Protein backbone atom coordinates (compact mmCIF):
# COMPACT_ATOMS: atom_id res chain seq x y z
CA MET A 1 140.15 148.81 76.33
CA VAL A 2 139.67 145.14 75.45
CA LYS A 3 141.97 142.92 77.50
CA ILE A 4 141.78 139.82 75.37
CA GLN A 5 140.65 138.99 71.84
CA LYS A 6 140.29 135.86 69.75
CA ILE A 7 142.98 135.68 67.05
CA SER A 8 140.41 134.55 64.46
CA GLU A 9 138.49 137.84 64.97
CA ILE A 10 141.41 140.27 64.78
CA GLU A 11 143.48 138.82 61.90
CA PRO A 12 141.45 140.57 59.14
CA THR A 13 141.90 143.97 60.86
CA LEU A 14 145.67 143.73 61.43
CA GLY A 15 148.03 145.93 59.44
CA PHE A 16 150.59 144.31 57.14
CA THR A 17 153.52 144.59 59.57
CA GLU A 18 151.61 143.28 62.57
CA PHE A 19 150.12 140.45 60.53
CA ASP A 20 153.58 139.51 59.25
CA ILE A 21 154.90 139.26 62.85
CA LEU A 22 151.94 137.14 63.91
CA LYS A 23 152.51 134.93 60.86
CA ARG A 24 156.11 134.34 61.95
CA TYR A 25 154.98 133.49 65.45
CA ARG A 26 152.53 130.99 63.95
CA GLN A 27 155.30 129.40 61.90
CA SER A 28 157.56 129.05 64.93
CA PHE A 29 154.58 127.69 66.93
CA GLU A 30 153.87 124.97 64.34
CA LEU A 31 157.52 123.83 64.50
CA SER A 32 157.57 123.70 68.30
CA GLU A 33 156.51 120.74 70.44
CA LEU A 34 153.53 122.78 71.63
CA GLY A 35 152.39 123.29 68.04
CA ARG A 36 152.74 119.61 67.21
CA LEU A 37 150.79 118.80 70.39
CA HIS A 38 148.02 121.17 69.30
CA ALA A 39 147.79 119.49 65.89
CA LEU A 40 147.14 116.11 67.53
CA PHE A 41 143.93 117.15 69.30
CA PRO A 42 140.67 117.30 67.30
CA PHE A 43 139.48 120.32 69.28
CA SER A 44 136.50 121.11 67.03
CA GLU A 45 135.10 117.56 67.23
CA LEU A 46 135.61 117.44 71.01
CA ALA A 47 133.88 120.82 71.50
CA GLN A 48 131.00 119.75 69.29
CA GLN A 49 130.57 116.47 71.15
CA MET A 50 130.63 118.27 74.52
CA GLN A 51 128.08 120.81 73.19
CA LEU A 52 130.02 123.74 74.62
CA LYS A 53 128.73 127.28 74.29
CA GLU A 54 131.05 130.26 73.92
CA SER A 55 128.79 132.40 76.13
CA PRO A 56 127.21 130.12 78.75
CA LEU A 57 126.26 132.94 81.14
CA GLY A 58 124.90 135.37 78.57
CA ARG A 59 128.13 137.35 78.14
CA LYS A 60 130.92 137.01 75.61
CA SER A 61 133.60 134.57 76.73
CA TYR A 62 137.31 135.30 76.43
CA PHE A 63 137.91 131.78 75.11
CA SER A 64 136.21 129.94 72.28
CA ALA A 65 134.81 126.45 72.91
CA GLU A 66 137.97 124.95 71.38
CA GLY A 67 140.11 127.38 73.39
CA LYS A 68 138.60 126.20 76.66
CA ILE A 69 139.56 122.59 75.91
CA ALA A 70 143.01 123.77 74.79
CA LEU A 71 143.45 125.62 78.11
CA MET A 72 142.82 122.39 80.05
CA VAL A 73 145.33 120.54 77.84
CA LEU A 74 147.85 123.34 78.40
CA LYS A 75 147.40 123.11 82.17
CA SER A 76 148.11 119.38 82.14
CA TYR A 77 151.06 119.84 79.78
CA THR A 78 152.74 122.60 81.82
CA ASN A 79 151.88 121.15 85.26
CA PHE A 80 151.23 124.74 86.46
CA SER A 81 148.83 125.89 89.13
CA ASP A 82 145.91 128.07 87.97
CA SER A 83 147.68 131.32 88.95
CA GLN A 84 150.95 130.23 87.32
CA LEU A 85 149.10 129.25 84.14
CA ILE A 86 147.48 132.71 83.81
CA GLU A 87 150.82 134.41 84.55
CA HIS A 88 152.60 132.46 81.80
CA LEU A 89 149.65 132.83 79.43
CA ASN A 90 149.97 136.62 79.69
CA GLY A 91 153.63 136.59 78.61
CA ASN A 92 153.93 133.61 76.23
CA ILE A 93 152.66 134.16 72.68
CA HIS A 94 152.86 130.42 71.92
CA TYR A 95 150.54 129.67 74.84
CA GLN A 96 148.12 132.29 73.51
CA ILE A 97 148.18 130.81 69.99
CA PHE A 98 147.61 127.37 71.52
CA CYS A 99 144.40 128.69 73.15
CA GLY A 100 143.42 130.81 70.14
CA ILE A 101 143.59 134.19 71.90
CA GLN A 102 145.68 137.37 71.99
CA ILE A 103 146.18 139.24 75.27
CA ASP A 104 146.98 142.95 75.37
CA PRO A 105 150.38 143.26 77.16
CA LEU A 106 149.23 146.50 78.83
CA HIS A 107 146.04 144.84 80.12
CA PRO A 108 146.97 141.28 81.18
CA LEU A 109 144.57 138.82 82.75
CA THR A 110 144.66 139.02 86.53
CA ASN A 111 141.76 136.78 87.56
CA TYR A 112 143.26 133.30 87.72
CA LYS A 113 139.88 131.89 88.80
CA ILE A 114 138.85 131.90 85.15
CA VAL A 115 140.72 128.57 84.86
CA SER A 116 138.60 127.07 87.64
CA ALA A 117 135.41 128.43 86.06
CA ILE A 118 136.27 126.85 82.70
CA ARG A 119 137.18 123.58 84.44
CA GLN A 120 133.77 123.47 86.13
CA GLU A 121 132.00 124.28 82.87
CA LEU A 122 133.78 121.51 80.97
CA ALA A 123 133.31 119.02 83.82
CA ALA A 124 129.53 119.42 83.55
CA HIS A 125 129.71 118.30 79.88
CA LEU A 126 132.36 115.59 80.19
CA GLU A 127 131.40 112.11 78.97
CA ILE A 128 134.46 109.90 78.73
CA GLU A 129 132.63 107.20 76.75
CA SER A 130 131.78 109.63 73.92
CA LEU A 131 135.06 111.60 73.81
CA GLN A 132 137.60 108.75 73.79
CA PRO A 133 136.38 107.32 70.43
CA ILE A 134 137.06 110.74 68.84
CA LEU A 135 140.65 110.72 70.11
CA ALA A 136 141.11 107.06 69.14
CA GLU A 137 139.87 107.73 65.59
CA SER A 138 142.28 110.66 65.25
CA TRP A 139 145.32 108.73 66.55
CA LYS A 140 144.58 105.29 65.07
CA PRO A 141 146.50 105.81 61.76
CA TYR A 142 149.75 106.25 63.69
CA LEU A 143 149.39 103.25 66.03
CA GLU A 144 150.80 99.77 65.57
CA ASN A 145 149.99 96.38 67.13
CA LEU A 146 146.30 97.22 67.45
CA HIS A 147 145.58 93.58 68.27
CA VAL A 148 147.56 93.68 71.58
CA CYS A 149 145.64 94.84 74.69
CA MET A 150 147.48 95.73 77.89
CA THR A 151 145.56 96.57 81.03
CA ASP A 152 146.20 97.53 84.64
CA ALA A 153 144.68 99.72 87.38
CA THR A 154 146.17 102.57 89.37
CA CYS A 155 145.03 105.18 91.89
CA TYR A 156 145.28 108.89 91.08
CA GLU A 157 145.49 110.39 94.56
CA SER A 158 143.57 113.44 95.72
CA TYR A 159 145.26 116.32 97.49
CA ILE A 160 144.02 115.78 101.08
CA ARG A 161 145.64 115.40 104.49
CA PHE A 162 146.07 111.85 105.71
CA PRO A 163 142.76 111.08 107.42
CA THR A 164 142.51 109.87 111.00
CA ASP A 165 139.38 109.42 113.11
CA VAL A 166 140.39 112.25 115.45
CA LYS A 167 141.08 114.71 112.61
CA LEU A 168 137.79 113.90 110.89
CA LEU A 169 135.78 114.31 114.09
CA TRP A 170 137.52 117.61 114.92
CA GLU A 171 136.89 119.02 111.43
CA SER A 172 133.20 118.11 111.76
CA VAL A 173 132.98 119.72 115.20
CA ARG A 174 134.70 122.90 114.02
CA TRP A 175 132.42 123.23 110.98
CA LEU A 176 129.28 122.76 113.05
CA HIS A 177 130.41 125.21 115.73
CA ARG A 178 131.21 127.87 113.13
CA HIS A 179 127.77 127.59 111.54
CA LEU A 180 126.02 127.44 114.91
CA TYR A 181 127.72 130.75 115.80
CA LYS A 182 126.71 132.24 112.45
CA HIS A 183 123.07 131.13 112.76
CA CYS A 184 122.74 132.63 116.22
CA LEU A 185 124.35 135.87 115.02
CA ASP A 186 121.94 136.14 112.07
CA LEU A 187 118.91 135.32 114.22
CA HIS A 188 120.02 137.65 117.07
CA ILE A 189 119.61 134.93 119.69
CA GLN A 190 121.83 133.61 122.46
CA ARG A 191 124.19 130.84 121.46
CA PRO A 192 123.44 127.45 123.12
CA ARG A 193 125.99 126.27 125.67
CA ASN A 194 128.36 123.42 124.91
CA LYS A 195 131.87 122.31 125.78
CA TYR A 196 133.52 123.45 122.56
CA PRO A 197 136.14 125.73 124.30
CA ASP A 198 137.24 122.94 126.67
CA ILE A 199 137.50 120.31 123.97
CA SER A 200 139.24 122.76 121.62
CA ARG A 201 142.00 123.16 124.22
CA ALA A 202 142.11 119.41 124.81
CA TYR A 203 142.47 118.73 121.07
CA LEU A 204 145.28 121.29 120.80
CA SER A 205 147.13 119.61 123.66
CA TYR A 206 146.59 116.19 122.06
CA SER A 207 147.84 117.35 118.64
CA LYS A 208 151.05 118.67 120.23
CA LEU A 209 151.93 115.32 121.81
CA ARG A 210 154.93 113.64 120.19
CA LYS A 211 153.90 110.20 121.41
CA ARG A 212 150.20 109.49 121.77
CA ARG A 213 149.10 106.60 123.89
CA GLN A 214 146.04 104.64 122.95
CA SER A 215 144.33 105.85 126.11
CA HIS A 216 144.90 109.50 125.08
CA THR A 217 143.44 108.85 121.61
CA ARG A 218 140.42 107.00 122.97
CA ARG A 219 139.73 109.76 125.49
CA ILE A 220 139.77 112.56 122.90
CA LYS A 221 137.64 110.47 120.52
CA ARG A 222 135.01 109.97 123.21
CA ARG A 223 134.86 113.69 124.00
CA LEU A 224 134.70 114.66 120.31
CA LEU A 225 131.88 112.19 119.64
CA GLN A 226 129.89 113.54 122.59
CA LEU A 227 130.39 117.16 121.46
CA LEU A 228 129.58 116.31 117.84
CA GLU A 229 126.30 114.69 118.86
CA LYS A 230 125.49 117.71 121.04
CA LEU A 231 126.18 120.20 118.21
CA ILE A 232 124.09 118.23 115.71
CA GLY A 233 121.17 118.26 118.16
CA GLN A 234 121.52 122.02 118.74
CA ILE A 235 121.64 122.83 115.01
CA ARG A 236 118.67 120.54 114.30
CA ALA A 237 116.70 122.44 116.94
CA LEU A 238 117.55 125.74 115.22
CA HIS A 239 116.56 124.33 111.82
CA PHE A 240 113.18 123.24 113.20
CA THR A 241 112.44 126.39 115.22
CA TYR A 242 113.61 128.95 112.63
CA LYS A 243 112.99 127.03 109.41
CA ASN A 244 111.29 130.06 107.79
CA GLU A 245 114.11 132.46 108.67
CA LEU A 246 117.22 130.39 107.90
CA ILE A 247 118.34 130.09 104.28
CA LEU A 248 120.23 126.81 103.92
CA SER A 249 122.16 126.21 100.71
CA SER A 250 122.34 122.81 99.04
CA ASP A 251 126.07 122.60 99.88
CA TYR A 252 125.30 123.28 103.54
CA GLN A 253 122.60 120.61 103.66
CA ARG A 254 124.82 118.05 101.95
CA ARG A 255 127.70 118.77 104.33
CA PHE A 256 125.36 118.49 107.33
CA LEU A 257 124.18 115.05 106.14
CA VAL A 258 127.81 113.95 105.63
CA ILE A 259 128.68 114.99 109.20
CA GLN A 260 125.75 112.99 110.57
CA THR A 261 127.14 109.96 108.72
CA VAL A 262 130.58 110.70 110.19
CA LEU A 263 129.03 110.67 113.68
CA GLN A 264 127.35 107.31 113.13
CA GLN A 265 130.51 105.77 111.64
CA GLY A 266 132.58 107.22 114.50
CA LYS A 267 130.28 105.64 117.08
CA ASP A 268 130.45 102.26 115.36
CA LEU A 269 134.25 102.37 115.16
CA PHE A 270 134.55 103.46 118.79
CA SER A 271 132.44 100.48 119.88
CA GLY A 272 134.58 98.09 117.81
CA LYS A 273 132.18 97.50 114.91
CA LYS A 274 133.29 97.14 111.30
CA VAL A 275 132.35 100.05 109.00
CA SER A 276 132.13 99.92 105.21
CA ASN A 277 132.28 102.93 102.86
CA ARG A 278 134.15 105.02 105.43
CA ILE A 279 134.13 108.76 104.85
CA VAL A 280 137.67 110.17 104.94
CA SER A 281 136.95 113.86 104.26
CA ILE A 282 133.90 116.03 104.91
CA ASP A 283 135.03 118.30 102.08
CA ARG A 284 135.33 115.45 99.53
CA HIS A 285 132.73 113.07 100.87
CA TYR A 286 132.89 110.88 97.74
CA LEU A 287 136.44 109.65 98.46
CA ARG A 288 136.94 106.18 99.93
CA PRO A 289 140.07 104.32 101.11
CA ILE A 290 141.69 102.36 98.26
CA VAL A 291 143.78 99.54 99.74
CA ARG A 292 146.70 99.01 97.34
CA GLY A 293 149.11 96.94 99.41
CA LYS A 294 152.18 98.87 98.23
CA GLU A 295 155.33 99.00 100.33
CA THR A 296 155.32 102.77 100.71
CA LYS A 297 151.54 103.30 100.72
CA SER A 298 149.23 100.60 101.95
CA VAL A 299 146.16 102.82 101.47
CA GLU A 300 145.55 105.61 98.94
CA PHE A 301 142.74 108.16 98.71
CA GLY A 302 141.55 109.13 95.26
CA ALA A 303 140.09 107.77 92.05
CA LYS A 304 140.88 104.20 91.06
CA VAL A 305 141.17 103.89 87.28
CA ASN A 306 141.40 100.76 85.17
CA ASN A 307 143.29 101.65 81.96
CA ILE A 308 143.93 99.86 78.71
CA GLN A 309 146.99 100.65 76.63
CA ILE A 310 147.34 100.31 72.85
CA ASP A 311 150.87 100.77 71.49
CA GLY A 312 151.78 102.99 74.46
CA ILE A 313 148.56 105.06 74.32
CA SER A 314 146.26 104.77 77.35
CA PHE A 315 142.47 104.92 77.49
CA ILE A 316 140.19 104.92 80.54
CA GLU A 317 138.15 101.73 80.79
CA HIS A 318 136.61 102.31 84.24
CA LEU A 319 136.92 105.13 86.78
CA SER A 320 135.52 105.01 90.30
CA PHE A 321 136.14 106.74 93.62
CA LYS A 322 135.30 103.49 95.39
CA ALA A 323 137.49 100.40 95.51
CA PHE A 324 136.72 97.74 92.91
CA ASN A 325 138.28 94.50 91.75
CA GLU A 326 139.90 95.18 88.38
CA GLY A 327 140.41 91.44 87.83
CA VAL A 328 136.80 90.98 86.68
CA ARG A 329 137.09 93.71 84.04
CA ALA A 330 139.32 91.93 81.51
CA LYS A 331 136.38 91.21 79.18
CA ASP A 332 135.33 94.87 79.29
CA CYS A 333 138.90 95.92 78.47
CA ILE A 334 138.98 93.68 75.39
CA ARG A 335 135.56 94.92 74.24
CA LEU A 336 136.59 98.57 74.69
CA GLN A 337 139.76 98.14 72.63
CA GLN A 338 137.85 96.39 69.84
CA LYS A 339 135.27 99.20 69.89
CA LEU A 340 137.93 101.93 69.70
CA MET A 341 140.24 100.33 67.16
CA LYS A 342 137.76 98.22 65.12
CA VAL A 343 140.34 95.39 65.26
CA ARG A 344 139.96 92.01 66.96
CA VAL A 345 142.18 91.58 70.04
CA LYS A 346 144.54 88.60 69.75
CA SER A 347 146.84 89.13 72.77
CA LEU A 348 146.18 90.27 76.35
CA ALA A 349 148.86 91.45 78.79
CA ALA A 350 147.74 91.81 82.41
CA ASP A 351 149.05 91.00 85.88
CA SER A 352 148.08 88.02 88.03
CA ILE A 353 144.89 89.55 89.47
CA TYR A 354 143.26 89.24 86.04
CA ALA A 355 144.23 85.55 85.74
CA ASN A 356 140.99 84.08 87.09
CA ASN A 357 139.22 81.10 85.56
CA ALA A 358 136.48 83.19 83.92
CA ASN A 359 139.01 85.34 82.06
CA ARG A 360 141.08 82.28 81.08
CA LYS A 361 138.00 80.55 79.62
CA PHE A 362 136.98 83.73 77.76
CA CYS A 363 140.44 84.15 76.20
CA THR A 364 140.65 80.45 75.28
CA LYS A 365 137.20 80.60 73.66
CA TYR A 366 138.15 83.52 71.41
CA GLY A 367 141.76 82.46 70.77
CA ILE A 368 143.38 85.29 72.73
CA THR A 369 146.96 84.73 73.87
CA THR A 370 147.62 85.96 77.42
CA SER A 371 150.55 86.70 79.70
CA PHE A 372 149.01 84.56 82.47
CA LYS A 373 151.06 81.84 84.09
CA ARG A 374 150.11 78.43 82.65
CA LYS A 375 147.71 76.12 84.51
CA GLY A 376 147.41 72.41 83.78
CA ARG A 377 149.39 70.35 81.29
CA ALA A 378 151.86 71.93 78.90
CA ALA A 379 150.84 72.38 75.26
CA THR A 380 152.84 70.97 72.37
CA ASP A 381 154.18 74.45 71.52
CA GLU A 382 154.85 75.39 75.15
CA LYS A 383 158.31 76.86 74.44
CA LEU A 384 156.86 79.34 71.95
CA ARG A 385 154.00 80.20 74.29
CA LYS A 386 156.44 80.81 77.14
CA ILE A 387 158.47 83.25 75.04
CA LEU A 388 155.29 85.12 74.05
CA ARG A 389 154.07 85.29 77.66
CA ALA A 390 157.41 86.68 78.80
CA ALA A 391 157.38 89.32 76.03
CA LEU A 392 153.83 90.42 76.91
CA SER A 393 154.62 90.60 80.64
CA ARG A 394 157.80 92.60 80.05
CA GLU A 395 156.04 95.04 77.74
CA ARG A 396 153.19 95.59 80.20
CA ALA A 397 155.52 96.03 83.18
CA THR A 398 157.69 98.61 81.39
CA ARG A 399 155.35 100.59 79.14
CA LEU A 400 152.02 100.48 80.96
CA GLU A 401 153.25 100.77 84.54
CA GLY A 402 155.88 103.26 83.39
CA SER A 403 153.15 105.44 81.86
CA PHE A 404 151.47 105.73 85.29
CA GLY A 405 154.62 107.24 86.75
CA THR A 406 155.02 109.61 83.79
CA GLN A 407 151.44 110.86 84.09
CA LYS A 408 151.75 111.46 87.83
CA GLN A 409 155.14 113.15 87.75
CA HIS A 410 154.75 115.37 84.68
CA TYR A 411 151.04 115.86 83.90
CA SER A 412 149.42 117.14 87.13
CA LEU A 413 148.23 113.73 88.35
CA ALA A 414 150.48 113.27 91.39
CA LYS A 415 148.08 114.98 93.83
CA ILE A 416 144.88 116.20 92.23
CA LYS A 417 143.72 119.52 93.69
CA ALA A 418 140.22 119.59 92.21
CA ARG A 419 137.44 120.25 94.72
CA ASN A 420 134.62 117.96 93.59
CA ARG A 421 133.96 114.66 91.85
CA LYS A 422 133.29 116.06 88.34
CA THR A 423 136.29 118.38 88.16
CA GLU A 424 138.55 115.64 89.55
CA THR A 425 137.37 113.29 86.78
CA LEU A 426 138.04 116.01 84.19
CA TRP A 427 141.52 116.58 85.66
CA ILE A 428 142.34 112.86 85.28
CA PHE A 429 140.92 112.69 81.74
CA PHE A 430 143.03 115.59 80.43
CA GLY A 431 146.14 114.46 82.31
CA ILE A 432 146.03 110.98 80.74
CA HIS A 433 145.28 112.16 77.21
CA THR A 434 147.78 115.03 77.28
CA ALA A 435 150.45 112.44 78.17
CA ASN A 436 149.13 110.33 75.26
CA ALA A 437 149.38 113.25 72.83
CA VAL A 438 153.01 113.96 73.80
CA CYS A 439 153.76 110.27 73.16
CA MET A 440 151.94 110.54 69.80
CA ILE A 441 154.30 113.30 68.60
CA GLY A 442 157.11 110.76 68.12
CA LYS A 443 154.77 108.30 66.39
CA VAL A 444 153.60 110.96 63.92
CA GLU A 445 157.19 111.98 63.11
CA LYS A 446 158.13 108.33 62.58
CA LYS A 447 155.16 107.82 60.24
CA LYS A 448 156.08 110.91 58.20
CA LYS A 449 159.67 109.70 57.79
CA MET A 450 158.49 106.30 56.62
CA VAL A 451 156.16 107.88 54.04
CA ALA A 452 158.90 110.22 52.84
């Protein structure tokens, strides 16, 4: 019995009654918000650009290339976990039409990991620079004020525990001890002696303390650093002695290198030295602290993204997991908008960090009006300029910064649960552009009413 079939393959074989029911479901789907959302995505062009294959592993896939992209859009739209998404996909015919499949009610999908597998497949083919022009070309007819560029940066946080030096050192120690035990078990040799049991009890006692003095923290750090160095030496000795018998995966080797970096950074911090590019997680070694200076969160951990916004629709200008100064990227923002919209930018709305002399000279040279606070003597038309600056600042503060909150609260971008750099980037891409497509629904309806 086939669990799942593509609708395009079974329509010609359906009887009249069944086809009539499916036709009614299609009609109701097209009238729903989900159907209008589906119509706004050029799935075929995106799949072609990403060069997706329906059967990447040599077997027939449940989802078509377009259906895989649609599944990622559906996940961002519903804000479901992977298991919840599969559960609702089994029972919701509109979700199935959205993804171009039909699931047998007596044989529902049970393996929710298919969502993760598709996410990893798409992440390997994701190129933001080549996909955004396709979306921009599709949405451009419904956008207004193409000459106004608004830009700002935000941090899309990753789903990790708040990192401390003690936690990071303990996680490294625990990982090394577990693999040391496994190596010795596989090689049938005696495990080297170390003070892991003693320090494990000491860490448990420390973690239970309600108030931790600086002396307590420094003591446990010293002991963890000594044990971590000891474990690294013991595992290196095993690697050298039994290099022909141990099979070490690429993930294992990468994690081992990360832990060695953690040890060196921990030593430097313990001795009072300044450390750059601090590792905050051995699982997601690519994350770095992003100092934001907010009242509630002074530091965030995730991807920092510099966005541009055109008539309420956001596009990614620069994405990095390391901190960067968005103030120097104003020229790149203007160039990106002109590339996407094929219209010259005449107005720029950005906050004070972008108001450096280089950006001011660039905007003056090309006649671009900005929201920056005036420097120097007032112009003859200063009153008009002041009104325009205020309007640009108000629009940026409400629409652009408001869109960040909407994306994070409703489109799976509050705490990103992806497990590596590529899938996290994909998660952000689909979250932002799914929010864009929902916003586009109103613009399309408005355009249709004006034409009618």
